[in-house]
Amino acid sequence: MDKELFNQKTVERLSSKIKLTAVQRKAAKEWLYYLDEGKLKKEKLNYLEFVEIVLKDLLGYEVKEIDFEEGNIEFSYKNKEGKTILGIEAKGTKTKSLDDEQKGYREGQESAIIQLWTYMGNLDLEYGIATNYKHFVLIDKKKSSSRHFLNFEEVRGNENKLKELVAIFSKEQIIDNGFI
């Protein structure tokens, strides 16, 4: 999976529709602070912060709509018809790259990306997000060899990157609009 899921024109088109709120800007600053302070190294210890700051405040996912640890994936969401279409696989920043080998994991979990792809197949998910709390990768099952990558640190002082994050990874875009 090494092709871009979206060309630059599509990213710009999707991003241009985003009107950032004060809550989203505050959430981005708070998450950058956590990254800067090295507070996100451990995966499970940071689930609550991730859900509250990134998923809820920044990307608009309702906390009450989260399915937690169903089918072994950390977080999943259903569309309005009740079908689970998105799974989110989280790792701590101790995982430097989402493509790095995960030692001690079974087949189909050799890296965070492969683990996500396996869960997407097993759970029949249309979309998947893998994150190490710093890097975010979106995978669309229909375009299996493509993905969209965003380094959260790029939003620092860059409103266009913050809009891109919201445009590509938000609940509105993935769950409500079914993407493009």
Protein backbone atom coordinates (compact mmCIF):
# COMPACT_ATOMS: atom_id res chain seq x y z
CA MET A 1 0.00 0.00 0.00
CA ASP A 2 2.10 2.85 -1.16
CA LYS A 3 -0.04 4.90 -3.55
CA GLU A 4 -1.79 8.08 -2.46
CA LEU A 5 -5.49 7.63 -1.82
CA PHE A 6 -6.20 11.19 -3.00
CA ASN A 7 -4.42 13.47 -5.44
CA GLN A 8 -3.52 16.96 -4.26
CA LYS A 9 -6.47 18.54 -6.10
CA THR A 10 -8.92 16.29 -4.25
CA VAL A 11 -7.28 17.07 -0.90
CA GLU A 12 -7.54 20.80 -1.65
CA ARG A 13 -11.18 20.47 -2.75
CA LEU A 14 -12.15 18.53 0.40
CA SER A 15 -10.14 20.86 2.66
CA SER A 16 -11.64 24.02 1.15
CA LYS A 17 -15.06 23.01 2.48
CA ILE A 18 -13.85 22.86 6.09
CA LYS A 19 -14.66 25.70 8.48
CA LEU A 20 -12.56 25.10 11.58
CA THR A 21 -14.13 25.79 14.97
CA ALA A 22 -12.51 27.13 18.13
CA VAL A 23 -12.98 23.67 19.70
CA GLN A 24 -11.06 22.02 16.83
CA ARG A 25 -8.22 24.55 17.01
CA LYS A 26 -7.97 24.09 20.79
CA ALA A 27 -7.98 20.29 20.41
CA ALA A 28 -5.16 20.45 17.83
CA LYS A 29 -3.04 22.62 20.16
CA GLU A 30 -3.72 20.30 23.07
CA TRP A 31 -2.74 17.20 21.05
CA LEU A 32 0.44 18.91 19.86
CA TYR A 33 1.25 19.67 23.51
CA TYR A 34 0.83 15.98 24.39
CA LEU A 35 3.12 15.02 21.49
CA ASP A 36 5.72 17.65 22.45
CA GLU A 37 5.75 16.50 26.07
CA GLY A 38 6.14 12.83 25.12
CA LYS A 39 2.90 11.88 26.88
CA LEU A 40 1.57 9.60 24.13
CA LYS A 41 4.14 6.79 24.14
CA LYS A 42 1.80 4.16 25.56
CA GLU A 43 -1.16 3.02 23.51
CA LYS A 44 -3.77 1.99 26.07
CA LEU A 45 -2.99 4.64 28.69
CA ASN A 46 -3.93 7.31 26.15
CA TYR A 47 -7.19 5.90 24.80
CA LEU A 48 -9.32 8.36 26.79
CA GLU A 49 -7.33 11.40 25.71
CA PHE A 50 -7.38 10.20 22.10
CA VAL A 51 -11.14 9.71 22.16
CA GLU A 52 -11.88 13.04 23.86
CA ILE A 53 -9.36 15.31 22.14
CA VAL A 54 -8.88 13.84 18.68
CA LEU A 55 -11.94 11.76 17.90
CA LYS A 56 -14.58 13.91 19.63
CA ASP A 57 -13.32 17.49 19.70
CA LEU A 58 -11.23 17.54 16.54
CA LEU A 59 -12.88 15.01 14.22
CA GLY A 60 -16.50 15.10 15.46
CA TYR A 61 -17.04 11.47 16.45
CA GLU A 62 -19.64 11.09 19.20
CA VAL A 63 -18.21 9.27 22.22
CA LYS A 64 -21.49 7.44 22.83
CA GLU A 65 -21.34 6.03 19.29
CA ILE A 66 -17.95 4.37 19.77
CA ASP A 67 -17.82 0.62 19.80
CA PHE A 68 -14.76 -0.26 21.86
CA GLU A 69 -12.73 -3.44 21.30
CA GLU A 70 -15.37 -5.12 19.13
CA GLY A 71 -13.71 -7.64 16.86
CA ASN A 72 -10.34 -6.86 18.49
CA ILE A 73 -10.07 -3.38 16.91
CA GLU A 74 -9.78 -0.50 19.38
CA PHE A 75 -12.54 1.74 18.06
CA SER A 76 -15.26 1.27 15.44
CA TYR A 77 -18.19 3.28 14.15
CA LYS A 78 -21.43 2.51 12.37
CA ASN A 79 -23.17 4.43 9.60
CA LYS A 80 -26.80 5.56 9.97
CA GLU A 81 -27.99 2.16 8.73
CA GLY A 82 -26.22 0.52 11.64
CA LYS A 83 -23.45 -1.15 9.62
CA THR A 84 -19.97 -0.86 11.09
CA ILE A 85 -17.91 0.82 8.37
CA LEU A 86 -14.88 2.33 10.14
CA GLY A 87 -12.29 0.78 12.39
CA ILE A 88 -9.48 2.63 14.15
CA GLU A 89 -6.30 0.81 15.20
CA ALA A 90 -4.29 2.84 17.70
CA LYS A 91 -0.68 2.48 18.80
CA GLY A 92 1.38 4.71 21.06
CA THR A 93 4.15 6.98 19.74
CA LYS A 94 6.58 4.31 20.94
CA THR A 95 5.63 2.70 17.60
CA LYS A 96 7.73 4.92 15.34
CA SER A 97 6.21 3.80 12.03
CA LEU A 98 2.88 2.16 11.38
CA ASP A 99 4.66 -0.07 8.85
CA ASP A 100 7.25 -1.31 11.38
CA GLU A 101 7.23 -4.98 12.34
CA GLN A 102 5.36 -5.73 15.56
CA LYS A 103 7.27 -8.41 17.41
CA GLY A 104 5.24 -11.12 19.10
CA TYR A 105 2.10 -10.61 17.04
CA ARG A 106 0.45 -13.40 15.08
CA GLU A 107 0.02 -13.67 11.33
CA GLY A 108 -2.01 -10.82 9.89
CA GLN A 109 -0.66 -8.43 12.51
CA GLU A 110 2.94 -8.03 11.34
CA SER A 111 2.60 -4.23 11.39
CA ALA A 112 -0.12 -1.80 12.52
CA ILE A 113 -1.14 -1.30 8.88
CA ILE A 114 -1.36 -5.04 8.19
CA GLN A 115 -3.21 -5.51 11.47
CA LEU A 116 -5.74 -2.84 10.45
CA TRP A 117 -6.11 -4.36 6.97
CA THR A 118 -6.73 -7.80 8.54
CA TYR A 119 -9.42 -6.37 10.85
CA MET A 120 -11.00 -4.52 7.92
CA GLY A 121 -11.31 -7.84 6.08
CA ASN A 122 -12.49 -9.85 9.08
CA LEU A 123 -15.07 -7.23 10.12
CA ASP A 124 -16.06 -6.16 6.58
CA LEU A 125 -15.11 -2.52 7.21
CA GLU A 126 -15.10 -0.04 4.35
CA TYR A 127 -12.58 2.31 5.96
CA GLY A 128 -9.77 2.04 8.47
CA ILE A 129 -7.57 4.49 10.30
CA ALA A 130 -4.26 3.47 11.83
CA THR A 131 -2.50 5.88 14.15
CA ASN A 132 0.44 5.97 16.51
CA TYR A 133 -1.07 9.21 17.89
CA LYS A 134 1.35 11.16 15.68
CA HIS A 135 0.87 9.63 12.23
CA PHE A 136 -2.59 9.04 10.80
CA VAL A 137 -3.26 6.71 7.87
CA LEU A 138 -6.63 6.28 6.17
CA ILE A 139 -7.30 3.16 4.13
CA ASP A 140 -10.30 2.72 1.81
CA LYS A 141 -10.95 -1.00 1.28
CA LYS A 142 -12.10 -0.41 -2.30
CA LYS A 143 -8.70 1.12 -3.09
CA SER A 144 -6.57 -1.41 -1.24
CA SER A 145 -3.18 -0.38 -2.58
CA SER A 146 -3.75 3.29 -1.65
CA ARG A 147 -3.75 5.24 1.59
CA HIS A 148 -3.70 8.78 2.88
CA PHE A 149 -0.95 9.69 5.34
CA LEU A 150 -0.83 12.72 7.62
CA ASN A 151 1.76 13.60 10.25
CA PHE A 152 -0.13 15.42 13.02
CA GLU A 153 2.85 17.64 13.72
CA GLU A 154 2.33 19.22 10.28
CA VAL A 155 -0.81 20.98 11.59
CA ARG A 156 1.36 23.17 13.81
CA GLY A 157 0.97 26.68 12.41
CA ASN A 158 -0.53 25.27 9.22
CA GLU A 159 -4.28 25.77 9.01
CA ASN A 160 -4.45 24.02 5.63
CA LYS A 161 -2.98 20.82 7.13
CA LEU A 162 -5.44 21.03 10.02
CA LYS A 163 -8.29 21.40 7.51
CA GLU A 164 -6.88 18.42 5.61
CA LEU A 165 -6.91 16.31 8.78
CA VAL A 166 -10.54 17.20 9.44
CA ALA A 167 -11.54 16.85 5.76
CA ILE A 168 -10.06 13.38 5.40
CA PHE A 169 -10.44 11.75 8.83
CA SER A 170 -13.64 13.30 10.28
CA LYS A 171 -16.88 11.54 11.15
CA GLU A 172 -18.74 13.88 8.81
CA GLN A 173 -16.62 12.83 5.87
CA ILE A 174 -16.26 9.10 6.52
CA ILE A 175 -19.47 8.11 8.33
CA ASP A 176 -22.03 10.76 7.37
CA ASN A 177 -21.00 11.48 3.77
CA GLY A 178 -19.58 8.07 2.86
CA PHE A 179 -16.59 9.99 1.56
CA ILE A 180 -16.46 11.65 -1.79
